[in-house]
Amino acid sequence: FENLRDAKETESYYYAAQARSYSDWLVGMNTSRAYSILFREKFGLKQTFSSGRVQTPVLYLINQREEEIQNFRPRTFYQIVGWFVADGIKYGGLLL
């Protein structure tokens, strides 16, 4: 409470948060409806499809990572390790 600022200083943060909240609701509501109708007409899906400003990109990133995991092919690799002694102390080194 010692570092409280005057409400006028942070009023713009309040309005920015309200604008984000409203746009999230508006975008989410409209894109969810549009995608639900599109998928019903195109693919015969009857369930509601949910989308939004934050949800859609996050789901894309999750899907992209899952595809990377599914398409992973192991490869053999080698490391060169050397052991050295200096001043009677033995230590290892790895060639990068």
N, C-alpha and C. Protein backbone atom coordinates (compact mmCIF):
# COMPACT_ATOMS: atom_id res chain seq x y z
N PHE A 1 0.81 -1.19 0.00
CA PHE A 1 0.00 0.00 0.00
C PHE A 1 0.85 1.26 0.00
N GLU A 2 2.13 1.11 0.37
CA GLU A 2 3.00 2.27 0.39
C GLU A 2 3.30 2.78 -1.02
N ASN A 3 3.20 1.92 -2.03
CA ASN A 3 3.56 2.29 -3.39
C ASN A 3 2.35 2.44 -4.31
N LEU A 4 1.19 2.68 -3.75
CA LEU A 4 -0.01 2.83 -4.58
C LEU A 4 0.12 4.05 -5.48
N ARG A 5 -0.39 3.90 -6.69
CA ARG A 5 -0.39 5.02 -7.64
C ARG A 5 -1.80 5.58 -7.76
N ASP A 6 -1.86 6.78 -8.22
CA ASP A 6 -3.15 7.43 -8.45
C ASP A 6 -3.90 6.67 -9.54
N ALA A 7 -5.20 6.55 -9.40
CA ALA A 7 -6.02 5.80 -10.36
C ALA A 7 -5.89 6.35 -11.77
N LYS A 8 -5.71 7.65 -11.91
CA LYS A 8 -5.57 8.25 -13.25
C LYS A 8 -4.35 7.70 -13.98
N GLU A 9 -3.29 7.33 -13.25
CA GLU A 9 -2.07 6.80 -13.87
C GLU A 9 -2.31 5.45 -14.55
N THR A 10 -3.19 4.66 -13.98
CA THR A 10 -3.41 3.29 -14.50
C THR A 10 -4.76 3.11 -15.17
N GLU A 11 -5.49 4.19 -15.35
CA GLU A 11 -6.82 4.10 -15.96
C GLU A 11 -6.75 3.51 -17.37
N SER A 12 -5.69 3.85 -18.11
CA SER A 12 -5.57 3.33 -19.48
C SER A 12 -5.42 1.80 -19.48
N TYR A 13 -4.80 1.23 -18.44
CA TYR A 13 -4.68 -0.23 -18.34
C TYR A 13 -6.06 -0.87 -18.22
N TYR A 14 -6.92 -0.22 -17.46
CA TYR A 14 -8.29 -0.70 -17.28
C TYR A 14 -9.02 -0.73 -18.61
N TYR A 15 -8.92 0.37 -19.37
CA TYR A 15 -9.61 0.43 -20.66
C TYR A 15 -9.01 -0.56 -21.66
N ALA A 16 -7.71 -0.75 -21.62
CA ALA A 16 -7.07 -1.73 -22.52
C ALA A 16 -7.55 -3.14 -22.19
N ALA A 17 -7.65 -3.46 -20.91
CA ALA A 17 -8.14 -4.78 -20.50
C ALA A 17 -9.59 -4.97 -20.91
N GLN A 18 -10.39 -3.93 -20.77
CA GLN A 18 -11.79 -4.02 -21.20
C GLN A 18 -11.89 -4.24 -22.70
N ALA A 19 -11.06 -3.55 -23.46
CA ALA A 19 -11.08 -3.70 -24.93
C ALA A 19 -10.67 -5.11 -25.32
N ARG A 20 -9.63 -5.66 -24.67
CA ARG A 20 -9.21 -7.04 -24.96
C ARG A 20 -10.32 -8.02 -24.62
N SER A 21 -10.94 -7.82 -23.48
CA SER A 21 -12.01 -8.71 -23.06
C SER A 21 -13.17 -8.67 -24.05
N TYR A 22 -13.55 -7.49 -24.48
CA TYR A 22 -14.65 -7.35 -25.43
C TYR A 22 -14.28 -7.97 -26.78
N SER A 23 -13.05 -7.71 -27.25
CA SER A 23 -12.65 -8.27 -28.54
C SER A 23 -12.53 -9.79 -28.47
N ASP A 24 -12.05 -10.31 -27.34
CA ASP A 24 -11.98 -11.77 -27.17
C ASP A 24 -13.38 -12.37 -27.27
N TRP A 25 -14.33 -11.74 -26.60
CA TRP A 25 -15.71 -12.23 -26.63
C TRP A 25 -16.28 -12.14 -28.03
N LEU A 26 -16.09 -10.99 -28.68
CA LEU A 26 -16.65 -10.76 -30.01
C LEU A 26 -16.02 -11.68 -31.05
N VAL A 27 -14.70 -11.76 -31.06
CA VAL A 27 -14.00 -12.62 -32.02
C VAL A 27 -14.33 -14.08 -31.76
N GLY A 28 -14.27 -14.48 -30.49
CA GLY A 28 -14.55 -15.88 -30.14
C GLY A 28 -15.96 -16.29 -30.49
N MET A 29 -16.92 -15.42 -30.19
CA MET A 29 -18.32 -15.74 -30.47
C MET A 29 -18.55 -15.87 -31.98
N ASN A 30 -18.03 -14.94 -32.74
CA ASN A 30 -18.28 -14.95 -34.18
C ASN A 30 -17.50 -16.04 -34.90
N THR A 31 -16.24 -16.22 -34.56
CA THR A 31 -15.47 -17.27 -35.26
C THR A 31 -15.95 -18.66 -34.84
N SER A 32 -16.34 -18.82 -33.58
CA SER A 32 -16.86 -20.12 -33.15
C SER A 32 -18.12 -20.48 -33.93
N ARG A 33 -19.00 -19.53 -34.07
CA ARG A 33 -20.24 -19.76 -34.83
C ARG A 33 -19.93 -20.04 -36.30
N ALA A 34 -19.06 -19.22 -36.88
CA ALA A 34 -18.72 -19.39 -38.30
C ALA A 34 -18.08 -20.75 -38.57
N TYR A 35 -17.12 -21.14 -37.73
CA TYR A 35 -16.47 -22.44 -37.92
C TYR A 35 -17.43 -23.59 -37.67
N SER A 36 -18.30 -23.45 -36.69
CA SER A 36 -19.28 -24.51 -36.42
C SER A 36 -20.18 -24.73 -37.62
N ILE A 37 -20.66 -23.65 -38.22
CA ILE A 37 -21.52 -23.76 -39.41
C ILE A 37 -20.74 -24.33 -40.58
N LEU A 38 -19.53 -23.81 -40.79
CA LEU A 38 -18.69 -24.29 -41.90
C LEU A 38 -18.42 -25.79 -41.78
N PHE A 39 -18.02 -26.23 -40.59
CA PHE A 39 -17.69 -27.65 -40.42
C PHE A 39 -18.93 -28.54 -40.50
N ARG A 40 -20.08 -28.02 -40.08
CA ARG A 40 -21.32 -28.79 -40.21
C ARG A 40 -21.66 -28.97 -41.69
N GLU A 41 -21.56 -27.88 -42.46
CA GLU A 41 -21.90 -27.95 -43.88
C GLU A 41 -20.88 -28.75 -44.68
N LYS A 42 -19.61 -28.56 -44.37
CA LYS A 42 -18.55 -29.17 -45.17
C LYS A 42 -18.27 -30.63 -44.78
N PHE A 43 -18.28 -30.91 -43.47
CA PHE A 43 -17.88 -32.24 -43.00
C PHE A 43 -18.99 -32.98 -42.25
N GLY A 44 -20.13 -32.36 -42.05
CA GLY A 44 -21.22 -33.01 -41.35
C GLY A 44 -21.02 -33.10 -39.84
N LEU A 45 -20.09 -32.31 -39.28
CA LEU A 45 -19.86 -32.34 -37.83
C LEU A 45 -20.99 -31.60 -37.13
N LYS A 46 -21.53 -32.21 -36.08
CA LYS A 46 -22.68 -31.62 -35.40
C LYS A 46 -22.28 -30.86 -34.13
N GLN A 47 -21.07 -31.08 -33.61
CA GLN A 47 -20.69 -30.41 -32.37
C GLN A 47 -20.26 -28.96 -32.63
N THR A 48 -20.28 -28.18 -31.58
CA THR A 48 -19.86 -26.79 -31.66
C THR A 48 -18.35 -26.72 -31.68
N PHE A 49 -17.82 -25.89 -32.54
CA PHE A 49 -16.38 -25.71 -32.65
C PHE A 49 -16.02 -24.41 -31.94
N SER A 50 -15.08 -24.48 -31.02
CA SER A 50 -14.68 -23.32 -30.23
C SER A 50 -13.39 -22.72 -30.79
N SER A 51 -13.37 -21.40 -30.93
CA SER A 51 -12.14 -20.72 -31.37
C SER A 51 -12.06 -19.37 -30.68
N GLY A 52 -10.90 -18.75 -30.76
CA GLY A 52 -10.74 -17.44 -30.13
C GLY A 52 -9.37 -16.85 -30.42
N ARG A 53 -9.17 -15.61 -30.01
CA ARG A 53 -7.95 -14.86 -30.29
C ARG A 53 -6.72 -15.52 -29.69
N VAL A 54 -6.83 -16.07 -28.50
CA VAL A 54 -5.69 -16.71 -27.83
C VAL A 54 -5.73 -18.22 -28.04
N GLN A 55 -6.89 -18.80 -27.93
CA GLN A 55 -7.04 -20.25 -27.99
C GLN A 55 -6.54 -20.82 -29.31
N THR A 56 -6.90 -20.21 -30.41
CA THR A 56 -6.56 -20.75 -31.73
C THR A 56 -5.05 -20.81 -31.96
N PRO A 57 -4.27 -19.74 -31.72
CA PRO A 57 -2.82 -19.86 -31.92
C PRO A 57 -2.16 -20.85 -30.96
N VAL A 58 -2.66 -20.92 -29.72
CA VAL A 58 -2.08 -21.87 -28.77
C VAL A 58 -2.33 -23.30 -29.22
N LEU A 59 -3.54 -23.59 -29.68
CA LEU A 59 -3.84 -24.93 -30.18
C LEU A 59 -2.99 -25.25 -31.41
N TYR A 60 -2.73 -24.25 -32.25
CA TYR A 60 -1.86 -24.45 -33.41
C TYR A 60 -0.46 -24.85 -32.96
N LEU A 61 0.09 -24.15 -31.97
CA LEU A 61 1.43 -24.47 -31.47
C LEU A 61 1.49 -25.87 -30.87
N ILE A 62 0.44 -26.25 -30.14
CA ILE A 62 0.38 -27.59 -29.56
C ILE A 62 0.33 -28.63 -30.67
N ASN A 63 -0.47 -28.39 -31.68
CA ASN A 63 -0.58 -29.32 -32.81
C ASN A 63 0.75 -29.41 -33.56
N GLN A 64 1.40 -28.28 -33.78
CA GLN A 64 2.68 -28.26 -34.49
C GLN A 64 3.72 -29.09 -33.73
N ARG A 65 3.76 -28.94 -32.41
CA ARG A 65 4.72 -29.70 -31.60
C ARG A 65 4.39 -31.19 -31.66
N GLU A 66 3.11 -31.54 -31.60
CA GLU A 66 2.71 -32.94 -31.67
C GLU A 66 3.13 -33.55 -33.01
N GLU A 67 2.98 -32.80 -34.10
CA GLU A 67 3.42 -33.30 -35.41
C GLU A 67 4.93 -33.50 -35.45
N GLU A 68 5.69 -32.59 -34.83
CA GLU A 68 7.15 -32.76 -34.76
C GLU A 68 7.50 -34.04 -34.02
N ILE A 69 6.79 -34.31 -32.94
CA ILE A 69 7.04 -35.53 -32.16
C ILE A 69 6.69 -36.76 -32.98
N GLN A 70 5.53 -36.74 -33.66
CA GLN A 70 5.10 -37.88 -34.47
C GLN A 70 6.04 -38.15 -35.64
N ASN A 71 6.61 -37.09 -36.21
CA ASN A 71 7.49 -37.24 -37.37
C ASN A 71 8.96 -37.40 -37.00
N PHE A 72 9.25 -37.49 -35.72
CA PHE A 72 10.64 -37.61 -35.29
C PHE A 72 11.24 -38.93 -35.75
N ARG A 73 12.41 -38.86 -36.30
CA ARG A 73 13.17 -40.05 -36.71
C ARG A 73 14.51 -40.01 -36.00
N PRO A 74 14.80 -41.01 -35.17
CA PRO A 74 16.08 -40.97 -34.44
C PRO A 74 17.27 -41.05 -35.40
N ARG A 75 18.32 -40.35 -35.04
CA ARG A 75 19.56 -40.38 -35.81
C ARG A 75 20.71 -40.70 -34.87
N THR A 76 21.67 -41.44 -35.38
CA THR A 76 22.87 -41.73 -34.60
C THR A 76 23.75 -40.49 -34.58
N PHE A 77 24.26 -40.17 -33.43
CA PHE A 77 25.20 -39.06 -33.35
C PHE A 77 26.33 -39.45 -32.41
N TYR A 78 27.43 -38.77 -32.54
CA TYR A 78 28.63 -39.08 -31.77
C TYR A 78 29.11 -37.83 -31.07
N GLN A 79 29.75 -38.06 -29.93
CA GLN A 79 30.38 -36.97 -29.20
C GLN A 79 31.85 -37.30 -29.04
N ILE A 80 32.68 -36.29 -29.14
CA ILE A 80 34.11 -36.49 -28.90
C ILE A 80 34.42 -35.94 -27.52
N VAL A 81 34.88 -36.83 -26.66
CA VAL A 81 35.21 -36.47 -25.29
C VAL A 81 36.70 -36.70 -25.09
N GLY A 82 37.35 -35.75 -24.49
CA GLY A 82 38.78 -35.91 -24.20
C GLY A 82 39.02 -35.75 -22.71
N TRP A 83 40.00 -36.49 -22.21
CA TRP A 83 40.37 -36.39 -20.80
C TRP A 83 41.74 -35.75 -20.72
N PHE A 84 41.87 -34.81 -19.81
CA PHE A 84 43.10 -34.04 -19.69
C PHE A 84 43.54 -34.01 -18.24
N VAL A 85 44.85 -33.81 -18.06
CA VAL A 85 45.40 -33.66 -16.71
C VAL A 85 46.24 -32.39 -16.72
N ALA A 86 45.95 -31.51 -15.77
CA ALA A 86 46.74 -30.29 -15.61
C ALA A 86 46.93 -30.05 -14.12
N ASP A 87 48.16 -29.85 -13.72
CA ASP A 87 48.49 -29.63 -12.30
C ASP A 87 47.96 -30.76 -11.42
N GLY A 88 48.00 -31.97 -11.95
CA GLY A 88 47.57 -33.13 -11.19
C GLY A 88 46.05 -33.29 -11.10
N ILE A 89 45.31 -32.46 -11.79
CA ILE A 89 43.85 -32.54 -11.75
C ILE A 89 43.36 -33.08 -13.09
N LYS A 90 42.56 -34.14 -13.04
CA LYS A 90 42.03 -34.75 -14.26
C LYS A 90 40.64 -34.17 -14.53
N TYR A 91 40.41 -33.77 -15.78
CA TYR A 91 39.10 -33.23 -16.15
C TYR A 91 38.76 -33.63 -17.57
N GLY A 92 37.48 -33.64 -17.87
CA GLY A 92 37.01 -34.02 -19.20
C GLY A 92 36.57 -32.81 -19.99
N GLY A 93 36.68 -32.94 -21.31
CA GLY A 93 36.22 -31.87 -22.20
C GLY A 93 35.41 -32.47 -23.33
N LEU A 94 34.43 -31.73 -23.78
CA LEU A 94 33.53 -32.18 -24.84
C LEU A 94 33.68 -31.24 -26.03
N LEU A 95 33.93 -31.82 -27.22
CA LEU A 95 34.04 -31.03 -28.43
C LEU A 95 32.64 -30.68 -28.92
N LEU A 96 32.39 -29.40 -29.04
CA LEU A 96 31.06 -28.95 -29.48
C LEU A 96 31.04 -28.69 -30.96
